[in-house]
């Protein structure tokens, strides 16, 4: 798994994972096409071949429903969540520091990912080095903890502070932070004595 997936490949991959967690068999090419509004079975086959070439699944072309997801826990109670270096979302596999199987009560969707906080977020309970579970979304709500990437550093801010910082950064010509999503959980390793 070293190449970045296109948007449709990522959606098909997530669909396959969810389908295999629910069922004991794989979806047919026609079912995949129907799910994504793709009329041509050849186009679906090309997407599956691309996923295979990129190392995300294995297929037996001569057999019906012969898909196997590689390197993934297919338990229906968990999502496999990648930890990205430097907040690089949907990055190539070499940017994945680790993968964790998290219960669905913590990880609210298969699109969630984790990043490592670069520094302490004063008053927010986040310490530098904490792993932050991020739910990608368009914008943060009033009570959300927003997660940003700016020059390779991961920053967490409450929504009000984030709005002020974005305005301040653009006024001073500084790099505007890139919004990644909202924090949903933290994973902190406690020191060993």
N, C-alpha and C. Protein backbone atom coordinates (compact mmCIF):
# COMPACT_ATOMS: atom_id res chain seq x y z
N UNK A 1 0.84 -1.18 0.00
CA UNK A 1 0.00 0.00 0.00
C UNK A 1 0.88 1.24 0.00
N UNK A 2 1.34 1.63 -1.17
CA UNK A 2 2.26 2.75 -1.22
C UNK A 2 1.74 3.91 -2.05
N UNK A 3 0.73 3.72 -2.84
CA UNK A 3 0.23 4.80 -3.67
C UNK A 3 -1.06 5.38 -3.09
N UNK A 4 -1.23 6.66 -3.31
CA UNK A 4 -2.43 7.36 -2.86
C UNK A 4 -3.64 6.91 -3.69
N UNK A 5 -4.76 6.75 -3.02
CA UNK A 5 -5.99 6.36 -3.71
C UNK A 5 -6.71 7.60 -4.21
N UNK A 6 -7.40 7.45 -5.35
CA UNK A 6 -8.27 8.52 -5.82
C UNK A 6 -9.50 8.54 -4.92
N UNK A 7 -10.32 9.56 -5.05
CA UNK A 7 -11.52 9.67 -4.22
C UNK A 7 -12.44 8.47 -4.45
N UNK A 8 -12.68 8.10 -5.70
CA UNK A 8 -13.58 6.97 -5.97
C UNK A 8 -12.96 5.66 -5.50
N UNK A 9 -11.65 5.50 -5.64
CA UNK A 9 -11.00 4.29 -5.15
C UNK A 9 -11.14 4.18 -3.63
N UNK A 10 -10.96 5.30 -2.93
CA UNK A 10 -11.10 5.31 -1.47
C UNK A 10 -12.53 4.94 -1.08
N UNK A 11 -13.53 5.48 -1.81
CA UNK A 11 -14.92 5.18 -1.50
C UNK A 11 -15.23 3.70 -1.76
N UNK A 12 -14.73 3.16 -2.88
CA UNK A 12 -14.96 1.75 -3.18
C UNK A 12 -14.26 0.88 -2.14
N UNK A 13 -13.04 1.23 -1.78
CA UNK A 13 -12.30 0.47 -0.76
C UNK A 13 -13.07 0.46 0.56
N UNK A 14 -13.53 1.63 1.02
CA UNK A 14 -14.29 1.70 2.28
C UNK A 14 -15.59 0.89 2.18
N UNK A 15 -16.24 0.93 1.02
CA UNK A 15 -17.45 0.14 0.81
C UNK A 15 -17.15 -1.35 0.92
N UNK A 16 -16.07 -1.80 0.28
CA UNK A 16 -15.69 -3.21 0.35
C UNK A 16 -15.42 -3.64 1.79
N UNK A 17 -14.71 -2.81 2.53
CA UNK A 17 -14.39 -3.13 3.92
C UNK A 17 -15.68 -3.25 4.73
N UNK A 18 -16.58 -2.27 4.61
CA UNK A 18 -17.83 -2.30 5.36
C UNK A 18 -18.71 -3.49 4.95
N UNK A 19 -18.76 -3.77 3.66
CA UNK A 19 -19.54 -4.90 3.16
C UNK A 19 -19.02 -6.21 3.75
N UNK A 20 -17.70 -6.39 3.73
CA UNK A 20 -17.11 -7.63 4.24
C UNK A 20 -17.23 -7.75 5.75
N UNK A 21 -17.38 -6.63 6.45
CA UNK A 21 -17.61 -6.70 7.89
C UNK A 21 -19.04 -7.15 8.19
N UNK A 22 -19.98 -6.84 7.28
CA UNK A 22 -21.39 -7.21 7.48
C UNK A 22 -21.71 -8.60 6.96
N UNK A 23 -21.11 -8.97 5.84
CA UNK A 23 -21.46 -10.20 5.14
C UNK A 23 -20.30 -11.20 5.22
N UNK A 24 -20.57 -12.44 4.86
CA UNK A 24 -19.52 -13.45 4.81
C UNK A 24 -19.01 -13.66 3.40
N UNK A 25 -19.44 -12.82 2.45
CA UNK A 25 -19.03 -12.91 1.06
C UNK A 25 -18.81 -11.51 0.52
N UNK A 26 -18.14 -11.43 -0.61
CA UNK A 26 -17.82 -10.14 -1.22
C UNK A 26 -18.95 -9.67 -2.13
N UNK A 27 -19.04 -8.36 -2.36
CA UNK A 27 -20.05 -7.87 -3.31
C UNK A 27 -19.64 -8.21 -4.74
N UNK A 28 -20.63 -8.33 -5.61
CA UNK A 28 -20.34 -8.58 -7.03
C UNK A 28 -19.92 -7.26 -7.68
N UNK A 29 -19.35 -7.36 -8.86
CA UNK A 29 -18.95 -6.17 -9.61
C UNK A 29 -20.18 -5.32 -9.91
N UNK A 30 -21.28 -5.96 -10.25
CA UNK A 30 -22.52 -5.21 -10.52
C UNK A 30 -23.02 -4.48 -9.26
N UNK A 31 -22.94 -5.14 -8.10
CA UNK A 31 -23.36 -4.50 -6.85
C UNK A 31 -22.50 -3.28 -6.54
N UNK A 32 -21.20 -3.38 -6.78
CA UNK A 32 -20.30 -2.24 -6.57
C UNK A 32 -20.68 -1.11 -7.52
N UNK A 33 -20.92 -1.46 -8.79
CA UNK A 33 -21.31 -0.46 -9.77
C UNK A 33 -22.61 0.24 -9.40
N UNK A 34 -23.60 -0.54 -8.97
CA UNK A 34 -24.89 0.02 -8.56
C UNK A 34 -24.72 0.97 -7.38
N UNK A 35 -23.90 0.58 -6.42
CA UNK A 35 -23.68 1.40 -5.21
C UNK A 35 -23.12 2.78 -5.55
N UNK A 36 -22.26 2.85 -6.59
CA UNK A 36 -21.61 4.11 -6.93
C UNK A 36 -22.09 4.72 -8.23
N UNK A 37 -23.17 4.18 -8.78
CA UNK A 37 -23.73 4.75 -10.01
C UNK A 37 -22.84 4.56 -11.22
N UNK A 38 -22.07 3.48 -11.23
CA UNK A 38 -21.19 3.17 -12.36
C UNK A 38 -21.89 2.10 -13.19
N UNK A 39 -22.24 2.43 -14.41
CA UNK A 39 -22.99 1.49 -15.24
C UNK A 39 -22.11 0.41 -15.86
N UNK A 40 -20.89 0.76 -16.15
CA UNK A 40 -19.99 -0.16 -16.85
C UNK A 40 -19.26 -1.08 -15.87
N UNK A 41 -19.43 -2.41 -16.07
CA UNK A 41 -18.70 -3.35 -15.22
C UNK A 41 -17.20 -3.27 -15.51
N UNK A 42 -16.84 -2.87 -16.72
CA UNK A 42 -15.43 -2.71 -17.07
C UNK A 42 -14.79 -1.60 -16.22
N UNK A 43 -15.51 -0.51 -16.01
CA UNK A 43 -15.00 0.58 -15.19
C UNK A 43 -14.81 0.13 -13.75
N UNK A 44 -15.77 -0.62 -13.21
CA UNK A 44 -15.64 -1.14 -11.85
C UNK A 44 -14.42 -2.06 -11.78
N UNK A 45 -14.27 -2.93 -12.76
CA UNK A 45 -13.12 -3.84 -12.81
C UNK A 45 -11.81 -3.06 -12.84
N UNK A 46 -11.77 -1.97 -13.58
CA UNK A 46 -10.55 -1.15 -13.64
C UNK A 46 -10.24 -0.53 -12.29
N UNK A 47 -11.25 -0.09 -11.55
CA UNK A 47 -11.03 0.45 -10.20
C UNK A 47 -10.49 -0.65 -9.27
N UNK A 48 -11.05 -1.85 -9.37
CA UNK A 48 -10.58 -2.97 -8.54
C UNK A 48 -9.15 -3.35 -8.91
N UNK A 49 -8.83 -3.33 -10.20
CA UNK A 49 -7.46 -3.62 -10.64
C UNK A 49 -6.49 -2.57 -10.10
N UNK A 50 -6.91 -1.34 -10.08
CA UNK A 50 -6.08 -0.26 -9.53
C UNK A 50 -5.84 -0.48 -8.03
N UNK A 51 -6.90 -0.85 -7.29
CA UNK A 51 -6.75 -1.14 -5.87
C UNK A 51 -5.80 -2.32 -5.65
N UNK A 52 -5.87 -3.30 -6.53
CA UNK A 52 -4.97 -4.45 -6.43
C UNK A 52 -3.54 -4.02 -6.74
N UNK A 53 -3.34 -3.25 -7.79
CA UNK A 53 -2.01 -2.78 -8.18
C UNK A 53 -1.37 -1.93 -7.08
N UNK A 54 -2.20 -1.17 -6.36
CA UNK A 54 -1.70 -0.31 -5.28
C UNK A 54 -1.53 -1.06 -3.97
N UNK A 55 -1.90 -2.35 -3.94
CA UNK A 55 -1.66 -3.19 -2.78
C UNK A 55 -2.73 -3.18 -1.71
N UNK A 56 -3.94 -2.73 -2.05
CA UNK A 56 -5.02 -2.66 -1.06
C UNK A 56 -5.87 -3.92 -1.02
N UNK A 57 -5.90 -4.67 -2.14
CA UNK A 57 -6.67 -5.91 -2.15
C UNK A 57 -6.05 -6.90 -3.11
N UNK A 58 -6.49 -8.13 -3.00
CA UNK A 58 -6.05 -9.20 -3.89
C UNK A 58 -7.30 -9.76 -4.57
N UNK A 59 -7.18 -10.07 -5.84
CA UNK A 59 -8.31 -10.59 -6.60
C UNK A 59 -7.91 -11.82 -7.37
N UNK A 60 -8.86 -12.71 -7.60
CA UNK A 60 -8.69 -13.83 -8.51
C UNK A 60 -9.61 -13.54 -9.68
N UNK A 61 -9.05 -13.06 -10.81
CA UNK A 61 -9.88 -12.59 -11.92
C UNK A 61 -10.87 -13.61 -12.47
N UNK A 62 -10.53 -14.89 -12.44
CA UNK A 62 -11.40 -15.89 -13.05
C UNK A 62 -12.53 -16.35 -12.14
N UNK A 63 -12.55 -15.86 -10.90
CA UNK A 63 -13.59 -16.28 -9.96
C UNK A 63 -14.51 -15.13 -9.60
N UNK A 64 -15.78 -15.44 -9.47
CA UNK A 64 -16.76 -14.44 -9.06
C UNK A 64 -16.59 -14.12 -7.57
N UNK A 65 -16.72 -12.86 -7.21
CA UNK A 65 -16.65 -12.40 -5.82
C UNK A 65 -15.36 -12.84 -5.12
N UNK A 66 -14.27 -12.81 -5.84
CA UNK A 66 -12.99 -13.29 -5.28
C UNK A 66 -12.10 -12.10 -4.90
N UNK A 67 -12.53 -11.35 -3.89
CA UNK A 67 -11.77 -10.20 -3.39
C UNK A 67 -11.27 -10.51 -1.99
N UNK A 68 -10.06 -10.04 -1.69
CA UNK A 68 -9.53 -10.19 -0.33
C UNK A 68 -8.85 -8.88 0.03
N UNK A 69 -9.30 -8.26 1.11
CA UNK A 69 -8.69 -7.02 1.61
C UNK A 69 -7.38 -7.39 2.29
N UNK A 70 -6.31 -6.67 1.97
CA UNK A 70 -4.99 -6.98 2.52
C UNK A 70 -4.68 -6.12 3.75
N UNK A 71 -4.10 -6.74 4.77
CA UNK A 71 -3.60 -6.03 5.94
C UNK A 71 -4.64 -5.29 6.74
N UNK A 72 -5.83 -5.88 6.91
CA UNK A 72 -6.90 -5.16 7.59
C UNK A 72 -7.71 -6.12 8.45
N UNK A 73 -8.04 -5.67 9.64
CA UNK A 73 -8.91 -6.42 10.54
C UNK A 73 -10.34 -6.19 10.07
N UNK A 74 -11.05 -7.25 9.76
CA UNK A 74 -12.42 -7.12 9.25
C UNK A 74 -13.48 -7.38 10.32
N UNK A 75 -13.13 -7.23 11.57
CA UNK A 75 -14.11 -7.37 12.64
C UNK A 75 -15.19 -6.30 12.47
N UNK A 76 -16.47 -6.67 12.56
CA UNK A 76 -17.53 -5.68 12.36
C UNK A 76 -17.62 -4.65 13.49
N UNK A 77 -16.93 -4.88 14.60
CA UNK A 77 -17.01 -3.95 15.73
C UNK A 77 -15.92 -2.87 15.69
N UNK A 78 -15.00 -2.94 14.72
CA UNK A 78 -13.88 -2.00 14.72
C UNK A 78 -13.68 -1.33 13.37
N UNK A 79 -12.96 -0.22 13.40
CA UNK A 79 -12.41 0.43 12.20
C UNK A 79 -10.90 0.39 12.34
N UNK A 80 -10.20 0.17 11.25
CA UNK A 80 -8.74 0.27 11.25
C UNK A 80 -8.40 1.70 10.89
N UNK A 81 -7.75 2.40 11.83
CA UNK A 81 -7.51 3.84 11.70
C UNK A 81 -6.02 4.08 11.49
N UNK A 82 -5.64 4.79 10.41
CA UNK A 82 -4.23 5.10 10.20
C UNK A 82 -3.79 6.30 11.03
N UNK A 83 -2.52 6.31 11.42
CA UNK A 83 -1.90 7.48 12.08
C UNK A 83 -1.00 8.10 11.02
N UNK A 84 -1.34 9.32 10.57
CA UNK A 84 -0.56 10.00 9.53
C UNK A 84 0.50 10.90 10.14
N UNK A 85 1.68 10.88 9.55
CA UNK A 85 2.74 11.81 9.93
C UNK A 85 2.38 13.19 9.38
N UNK A 86 2.63 14.23 10.13
CA UNK A 86 2.48 15.61 9.67
C UNK A 86 1.10 15.95 9.14
N UNK A 87 0.08 15.22 9.58
CA UNK A 87 -1.28 15.56 9.19
C UNK A 87 -1.58 15.37 7.73
N UNK A 88 -0.82 14.52 7.06
CA UNK A 88 -1.02 14.30 5.64
C UNK A 88 -2.15 13.30 5.48
N UNK A 89 -3.35 13.81 5.26
CA UNK A 89 -4.55 12.99 5.15
C UNK A 89 -4.64 12.36 3.77
N UNK A 90 -5.07 11.10 3.71
CA UNK A 90 -5.16 10.33 2.46
C UNK A 90 -3.80 10.27 1.77
N UNK A 91 -2.76 10.09 2.56
CA UNK A 91 -1.40 10.06 2.05
C UNK A 91 -1.02 8.66 1.60
N UNK A 92 0.14 8.59 0.98
CA UNK A 92 0.69 7.30 0.60
C UNK A 92 1.05 6.53 1.87
N UNK A 93 1.19 5.23 1.73
CA UNK A 93 1.41 4.37 2.88
C UNK A 93 2.67 4.72 3.66
N UNK A 94 3.69 5.27 2.99
CA UNK A 94 4.90 5.61 3.72
C UNK A 94 4.68 6.75 4.72
N UNK A 95 3.58 7.47 4.60
CA UNK A 95 3.24 8.52 5.56
C UNK A 95 2.43 7.98 6.73
N UNK A 96 2.11 6.69 6.72
CA UNK A 96 1.36 6.09 7.81
C UNK A 96 2.35 5.58 8.86
N UNK A 97 2.28 6.17 10.03
CA UNK A 97 3.17 5.81 11.14
C UNK A 97 2.75 4.48 11.77
N UNK A 98 1.46 4.26 11.88
CA UNK A 98 0.91 3.05 12.51
C UNK A 98 -0.56 2.95 12.13
N UNK A 99 -1.15 1.82 12.49
CA UNK A 99 -2.60 1.62 12.31
C UNK A 99 -3.13 1.02 13.60
N UNK A 100 -4.29 1.49 14.02
CA UNK A 100 -4.93 0.99 15.23
C UNK A 100 -6.34 0.52 14.89
N UNK A 101 -6.72 -0.63 15.44
CA UNK A 101 -8.09 -1.09 15.33
C UNK A 101 -8.85 -0.51 16.51
N UNK A 102 -9.80 0.39 16.23
CA UNK A 102 -10.55 1.07 17.29
C UNK A 102 -12.01 0.67 17.24
N UNK A 103 -12.59 0.53 18.40
CA UNK A 103 -14.01 0.25 18.52
C UNK A 103 -14.80 1.37 17.85
N UNK A 104 -15.91 1.01 17.24
CA UNK A 104 -16.73 1.99 16.53
C UNK A 104 -17.33 3.05 17.46
N UNK A 105 -17.38 2.79 18.75
CA UNK A 105 -17.88 3.81 19.66
C UNK A 105 -16.88 4.96 19.80
N UNK A 106 -15.60 4.72 19.48
CA UNK A 106 -14.59 5.79 19.49
C UNK A 106 -14.42 6.40 18.10
N UNK A 107 -14.25 5.54 17.11
CA UNK A 107 -14.05 6.01 15.73
C UNK A 107 -15.41 6.00 15.05
N UNK A 108 -15.96 7.17 14.80
CA UNK A 108 -17.33 7.27 14.32
C UNK A 108 -17.51 6.94 12.84
N UNK A 109 -16.41 6.84 12.07
CA UNK A 109 -16.54 6.44 10.67
C UNK A 109 -15.22 5.86 10.17
N UNK A 110 -15.28 5.19 9.04
CA UNK A 110 -14.08 4.60 8.44
C UNK A 110 -13.16 5.69 7.89
N UNK A 111 -13.65 6.91 7.74
CA UNK A 111 -12.83 8.00 7.22
C UNK A 111 -11.97 8.67 8.29
N UNK A 112 -12.18 8.32 9.56
CA UNK A 112 -11.38 8.91 10.63
C UNK A 112 -9.91 8.53 10.47
N UNK A 113 -9.06 9.36 11.02
CA UNK A 113 -7.63 9.09 11.02
C UNK A 113 -7.04 9.73 12.28
N UNK A 114 -5.78 9.42 12.55
CA UNK A 114 -5.13 9.99 13.73
C UNK A 114 -3.89 10.76 13.31
N UNK A 115 -3.59 11.81 14.08
CA UNK A 115 -2.36 12.59 13.93
C UNK A 115 -1.77 12.80 15.32
N UNK A 116 -0.49 13.12 15.37
CA UNK A 116 0.18 13.35 16.63
C UNK A 116 0.21 14.86 16.89
N UNK A 117 -0.30 15.28 18.07
CA UNK A 117 -0.29 16.70 18.42
C UNK A 117 1.16 17.18 18.52
N UNK A 118 1.45 18.34 17.92
CA UNK A 118 2.82 18.86 17.90
C UNK A 118 3.21 19.51 19.21
N UNK A 119 2.26 20.12 19.89
CA UNK A 119 2.57 20.80 21.14
C UNK A 119 1.33 20.80 22.03
N UNK A 120 1.52 21.21 23.27
CA UNK A 120 0.40 21.28 24.20
C UNK A 120 -0.63 22.29 23.71
N UNK A 121 -1.88 21.96 23.89
CA UNK A 121 -2.97 22.90 23.59
C UNK A 121 -3.45 23.43 24.94
N UNK A 122 -2.98 24.59 25.28
CA UNK A 122 -3.23 25.18 26.60
C UNK A 122 -4.70 25.16 26.97
N UNK A 123 -5.00 24.58 28.11
CA UNK A 123 -6.36 24.56 28.63
C UNK A 123 -7.29 23.57 27.95
N UNK A 124 -6.81 22.83 26.97
CA UNK A 124 -7.69 21.91 26.25
C UNK A 124 -7.44 20.46 26.62
N UNK A 125 -6.44 20.20 27.46
CA UNK A 125 -6.16 18.84 27.90
C UNK A 125 -5.37 18.00 26.92
N UNK A 126 -4.79 18.62 25.91
CA UNK A 126 -4.03 17.90 24.90
C UNK A 126 -2.54 18.22 25.10
N UNK A 127 -1.72 17.18 25.12
CA UNK A 127 -0.29 17.35 25.28
C UNK A 127 0.44 17.02 23.99
N UNK A 128 1.58 17.65 23.79
CA UNK A 128 2.41 17.32 22.63
C UNK A 128 2.71 15.84 22.63
N UNK A 129 2.55 15.19 21.48
CA UNK A 129 2.78 13.75 21.38
C UNK A 129 1.52 12.92 21.49
N UNK A 130 0.43 13.49 22.00
CA UNK A 130 -0.84 12.76 22.07
C UNK A 130 -1.30 12.40 20.65
N UNK A 131 -1.91 11.24 20.51
CA UNK A 131 -2.54 10.88 19.25
C UNK A 131 -3.97 11.40 19.30
N UNK A 132 -4.36 12.13 18.28
CA UNK A 132 -5.68 12.74 18.21
C UNK A 132 -6.48 12.06 17.10
N UNK A 133 -7.64 11.53 17.47
CA UNK A 133 -8.54 10.92 16.49
C UNK A 133 -9.32 12.05 15.82
N UNK A 134 -9.20 12.14 14.50
CA UNK A 134 -9.80 13.24 13.74
C UNK A 134 -10.92 12.70 12.86
N UNK A 135 -12.07 13.36 12.95
CA UNK A 135 -13.17 13.07 12.03
C UNK A 135 -13.15 14.15 10.96
N UNK A 136 -12.86 13.80 9.71
CA UNK A 136 -12.85 14.81 8.66
C UNK A 136 -14.25 15.38 8.46
N UNK A 137 -14.34 16.69 8.31
CA UNK A 137 -15.61 17.36 8.05
C UNK A 137 -15.32 18.71 7.42
N UNK A 138 -16.36 19.39 7.00
CA UNK A 138 -16.20 20.68 6.32
C UNK A 138 -15.76 21.80 7.26
N UNK A 139 -16.37 21.84 8.44
CA UNK A 139 -16.01 22.88 9.41
C UNK A 139 -16.37 22.42 10.82
N UNK A 140 -15.82 23.11 11.80
CA UNK A 140 -16.04 22.75 13.20
C UNK A 140 -17.26 23.47 13.76
N UNK A 141 -18.02 22.79 14.60
CA UNK A 141 -19.13 23.41 15.29
C UNK A 141 -18.64 24.27 16.45
N UNK A 142 -19.54 25.00 17.07
CA UNK A 142 -19.17 25.92 18.14
C UNK A 142 -18.48 25.24 19.31
N UNK A 143 -18.87 24.01 19.63
CA UNK A 143 -18.30 23.34 20.79
C UNK A 143 -17.21 22.32 20.42
N UNK A 144 -16.84 22.26 19.15
CA UNK A 144 -15.84 21.28 18.71
C UNK A 144 -14.41 21.76 18.95
N UNK A 145 -13.52 20.79 19.04
CA UNK A 145 -12.09 21.04 19.11
C UNK A 145 -11.57 20.84 17.69
N UNK A 146 -11.15 21.94 17.06
CA UNK A 146 -10.73 21.91 15.66
C UNK A 146 -9.27 21.47 15.56
N UNK A 147 -8.96 20.67 14.53
CA UNK A 147 -7.61 20.18 14.30
C UNK A 147 -7.09 20.80 13.00
N UNK A 148 -5.91 21.42 13.09
CA UNK A 148 -5.29 22.11 11.95
C UNK A 148 -3.89 21.60 11.73
N UNK A 149 -3.43 21.75 10.48
CA UNK A 149 -2.03 21.52 10.15
C UNK A 149 -1.50 22.83 9.59
N UNK A 150 -0.36 23.26 10.10
CA UNK A 150 0.27 24.48 9.61
C UNK A 150 1.78 24.25 9.58
N UNK A 151 2.36 24.28 8.40
CA UNK A 151 3.79 24.04 8.22
C UNK A 151 4.25 22.74 8.87
N UNK A 152 3.46 21.68 8.73
CA UNK A 152 3.82 20.37 9.25
C UNK A 152 3.52 20.15 10.72
N UNK A 153 3.06 21.18 11.42
CA UNK A 153 2.74 21.05 12.85
C UNK A 153 1.23 20.87 13.02
N UNK A 154 0.85 19.98 13.93
CA UNK A 154 -0.57 19.74 14.22
C UNK A 154 -0.97 20.62 15.40
N UNK A 155 -2.03 21.39 15.21
CA UNK A 155 -2.51 22.30 16.25
C UNK A 155 -3.97 22.01 16.54
N UNK A 156 -4.33 22.10 17.81
CA UNK A 156 -5.71 21.93 18.23
C UNK A 156 -6.17 23.24 18.86
N UNK A 157 -7.37 23.66 18.50
CA UNK A 157 -7.91 24.92 19.01
C UNK A 157 -9.42 24.78 19.17
N UNK A 158 -9.96 25.52 20.12
CA UNK A 158 -11.42 25.55 20.16
C UNK A 158 -11.87 26.39 18.98
N UNK A 159 -13.12 26.25 18.60
CA UNK A 159 -13.61 26.87 17.37
C UNK A 159 -13.46 28.38 17.36
N UNK A 160 -13.71 29.05 18.47
CA UNK A 160 -13.60 30.52 18.53
C UNK A 160 -12.16 30.96 18.31
N UNK A 161 -11.21 30.28 18.96
CA UNK A 161 -9.79 30.62 18.80
C UNK A 161 -9.34 30.35 17.37
N UNK A 162 -9.84 29.27 16.79
CA UNK A 162 -9.46 28.92 15.43
C UNK A 162 -9.90 30.01 14.45
N UNK A 163 -11.09 30.56 14.64
CA UNK A 163 -11.58 31.62 13.75
C UNK A 163 -10.72 32.87 13.87
N UNK A 164 -10.35 33.23 15.12
CA UNK A 164 -9.48 34.40 15.33
C UNK A 164 -8.11 34.17 14.70
N UNK A 165 -7.53 32.99 14.88
CA UNK A 165 -6.19 32.70 14.36
C UNK A 165 -6.16 32.72 12.84
N UNK A 166 -7.19 32.17 12.21
CA UNK A 166 -7.24 32.15 10.75
C UNK A 166 -7.30 33.58 10.21
N UNK A 167 -8.11 34.43 10.83
CA UNK A 167 -8.20 35.82 10.40
C UNK A 167 -6.87 36.54 10.63
N UNK A 168 -6.24 36.31 11.77
CA UNK A 168 -4.97 36.95 12.12
C UNK A 168 -3.86 36.51 11.16
N UNK A 169 -3.81 35.21 10.83
CA UNK A 169 -2.78 34.69 9.93
C UNK A 169 -2.89 35.28 8.55
N UNK A 170 -4.12 35.42 8.03
CA UNK A 170 -4.28 35.97 6.68
C UNK A 170 -4.00 37.46 6.64
N UNK A 171 -4.26 38.19 7.76
CA UNK A 171 -3.96 39.62 7.81
C UNK A 171 -2.46 39.87 7.79
N UNK A 172 -1.70 39.01 8.44
CA UNK A 172 -0.25 39.19 8.53
C UNK A 172 0.50 38.50 7.40
N UNK A 173 -0.18 37.94 6.45
CA UNK A 173 0.47 37.28 5.33
C UNK A 173 1.08 35.94 5.70
N UNK A 174 0.80 35.45 6.88
CA UNK A 174 1.34 34.15 7.31
C UNK A 174 0.59 33.01 6.64
N UNK A 175 1.17 31.84 6.75
CA UNK A 175 0.51 30.66 6.18
C UNK A 175 -0.78 30.38 6.93
N UNK A 176 -1.84 30.23 6.19
CA UNK A 176 -3.13 29.92 6.82
C UNK A 176 -3.13 28.45 7.21
N UNK A 177 -3.57 28.13 8.42
CA UNK A 177 -3.63 26.72 8.81
C UNK A 177 -4.65 25.96 7.97
N UNK A 178 -4.35 24.70 7.70
CA UNK A 178 -5.25 23.85 6.91
C UNK A 178 -6.12 23.05 7.87
N UNK A 179 -7.43 23.22 7.76
CA UNK A 179 -8.38 22.53 8.63
C UNK A 179 -8.44 21.06 8.23
N UNK A 180 -8.23 20.15 9.20
CA UNK A 180 -8.26 18.71 8.95
C UNK A 180 -9.58 18.07 9.37
N UNK A 181 -10.19 18.61 10.41
CA UNK A 181 -11.43 18.04 10.93
C UNK A 181 -11.56 18.36 12.41
N UNK A 182 -12.39 17.60 13.10
CA UNK A 182 -12.60 17.83 14.53
C UNK A 182 -12.08 16.64 15.33
N UNK A 183 -11.55 16.94 16.51
CA UNK A 183 -11.03 15.90 17.40
C UNK A 183 -12.20 15.16 18.04
N UNK A 184 -12.12 13.84 18.04
CA UNK A 184 -13.16 13.01 18.64
C UNK A 184 -12.65 12.21 19.84
N UNK A 185 -11.33 11.99 19.93
CA UNK A 185 -10.76 11.23 21.05
C UNK A 185 -9.25 11.44 21.07
N UNK A 186 -8.65 11.13 22.21
CA UNK A 186 -7.19 11.21 22.37
C UNK A 186 -6.67 9.86 22.82
N UNK A 187 -5.45 9.56 22.40
CA UNK A 187 -4.75 8.38 22.88
C UNK A 187 -3.41 8.88 23.42
N UNK A 188 -3.19 8.65 24.69
CA UNK A 188 -1.96 9.13 25.33
C UNK A 188 -1.24 7.95 25.96
N UNK A 189 0.04 7.84 25.68
CA UNK A 189 0.88 6.82 26.29
C UNK A 189 1.42 7.39 27.59
N UNK A 190 1.19 6.70 28.69
CA UNK A 190 1.67 7.16 30.00
C UNK A 190 3.13 6.73 30.18
N UNK A 191 3.91 7.56 30.87
CA UNK A 191 5.33 7.21 31.05
C UNK A 191 5.48 5.97 31.90
N UNK A 192 6.52 5.19 31.59
CA UNK A 192 6.83 3.98 32.39
C UNK A 192 7.92 4.32 33.38
N UNK A 193 7.80 3.78 34.57
CA UNK A 193 8.85 4.00 35.58
C UNK A 193 9.82 2.85 35.60
